[in-house]
Amino acid sequence: MRREVFEEIGGFPELPIMEDFELIKRLKKRGKIAIIPAKITTSARRWEKLGIWKTTLINQLIIIGYYLKISPLKLKQLYQQKE
């Protein structure tokens, strides 16, 4: 995204968890989001430790909790308990 857009939407929100999710929600309000064909590298540690199904379930529960307005601090604590 362009720097101007990043600044217009307030940059990354000051949240202990879900900051990327909230950033995308803000971007969607400005219009269509395109995915570029670029590779990224991320840690597989959690996926290898907990497995695909459990990790996916935990992630979805955190998202649901966020929509239900559970405190991001509480969500972070719950997420970290599962590490």
Protein backbone atom coordinates (compact mmCIF):
# COMPACT_ATOMS: atom_id res chain seq x y z
CA MET A 1 0.00 0.00 0.00
CA ARG A 2 1.10 3.53 -0.53
CA ARG A 3 2.41 5.48 2.41
CA GLU A 4 -0.34 8.10 2.03
CA VAL A 5 -3.04 5.44 2.38
CA PHE A 6 -1.28 3.88 5.37
CA GLU A 7 -1.18 7.27 7.09
CA GLU A 8 -4.78 8.12 6.11
CA ILE A 9 -6.12 4.97 7.78
CA GLY A 10 -4.08 5.67 10.91
CA GLY A 11 -1.26 3.17 10.38
CA PHE A 12 -1.10 0.02 12.47
CA PRO A 13 -3.54 0.16 15.37
CA GLU A 14 -2.06 0.01 18.87
CA LEU A 15 -3.43 -3.45 19.71
CA PRO A 16 -1.71 -6.37 21.47
CA ILE A 17 -3.25 -8.80 18.92
CA MET A 18 -5.39 -8.55 15.77
CA GLU A 19 -3.63 -5.38 14.58
CA ASP A 20 -3.19 -6.85 11.10
CA PHE A 21 -6.84 -7.88 10.99
CA GLU A 22 -7.97 -4.38 12.02
CA LEU A 23 -5.66 -2.81 9.43
CA ILE A 24 -7.27 -4.89 6.68
CA LYS A 25 -10.76 -3.94 7.90
CA ARG A 26 -9.78 -0.27 7.57
CA LEU A 27 -8.34 -0.83 4.10
CA LYS A 28 -11.49 -2.60 2.90
CA LYS A 29 -13.49 0.52 3.71
CA ARG A 30 -11.35 2.41 1.17
CA GLY A 31 -11.98 -0.03 -1.65
CA LYS A 32 -10.92 -3.30 -3.19
CA ILE A 33 -7.83 -5.04 -1.87
CA ALA A 34 -5.57 -6.77 -4.38
CA ILE A 35 -3.21 -9.60 -3.56
CA ILE A 36 0.13 -9.37 -5.30
CA PRO A 37 2.00 -12.49 -6.45
CA ALA A 38 4.84 -12.26 -3.95
CA LYS A 39 6.25 -14.87 -1.60
CA ILE A 40 6.65 -14.32 2.12
CA THR A 41 8.28 -16.38 4.81
CA THR A 42 6.71 -16.91 8.19
CA SER A 43 7.36 -19.21 11.11
CA ALA A 44 5.71 -22.62 11.02
CA ARG A 45 6.47 -23.29 14.69
CA ARG A 46 2.86 -23.02 15.95
CA TRP A 47 1.47 -25.03 13.01
CA GLU A 48 4.03 -27.79 13.54
CA LYS A 49 3.48 -27.87 17.30
CA LEU A 50 -0.34 -27.77 17.38
CA GLY A 51 -1.22 -29.12 13.95
CA ILE A 52 -3.34 -27.66 11.17
CA TRP A 53 -6.79 -28.26 12.67
CA LYS A 54 -6.09 -27.03 16.19
CA THR A 55 -4.18 -23.96 14.98
CA THR A 56 -6.96 -23.08 12.53
CA LEU A 57 -9.60 -23.52 15.24
CA ILE A 58 -7.70 -21.30 17.69
CA ASN A 59 -7.25 -18.60 15.03
CA GLN A 60 -10.95 -18.66 14.15
CA LEU A 61 -11.96 -18.48 17.82
CA ILE A 62 -9.73 -15.43 18.31
CA ILE A 63 -11.38 -13.74 15.30
CA ILE A 64 -14.85 -14.56 16.66
CA GLY A 65 -13.82 -13.18 20.05
CA TYR A 66 -12.63 -9.99 18.38
CA TYR A 67 -15.98 -9.57 16.62
CA LEU A 68 -17.72 -10.19 19.96
CA LYS A 69 -15.72 -7.26 21.38
CA ILE A 70 -13.67 -9.34 23.81
CA SER A 71 -10.75 -7.22 24.97
CA PRO A 72 -7.70 -7.60 22.67
CA LEU A 73 -5.56 -7.98 25.80
CA LYS A 74 -7.71 -10.92 26.94
CA LEU A 75 -7.58 -12.42 23.43
CA LYS A 76 -3.79 -12.16 23.46
CA GLN A 77 -3.65 -13.93 26.82
CA LEU A 78 -5.90 -16.72 25.52
CA TYR A 79 -3.83 -17.03 22.34
CA GLN A 80 -0.57 -17.24 24.27
CA GLN A 81 -1.93 -19.95 26.57
CA LYS A 82 -2.18 -22.22 23.54
CA GLU A 83 1.50 -21.87 22.59
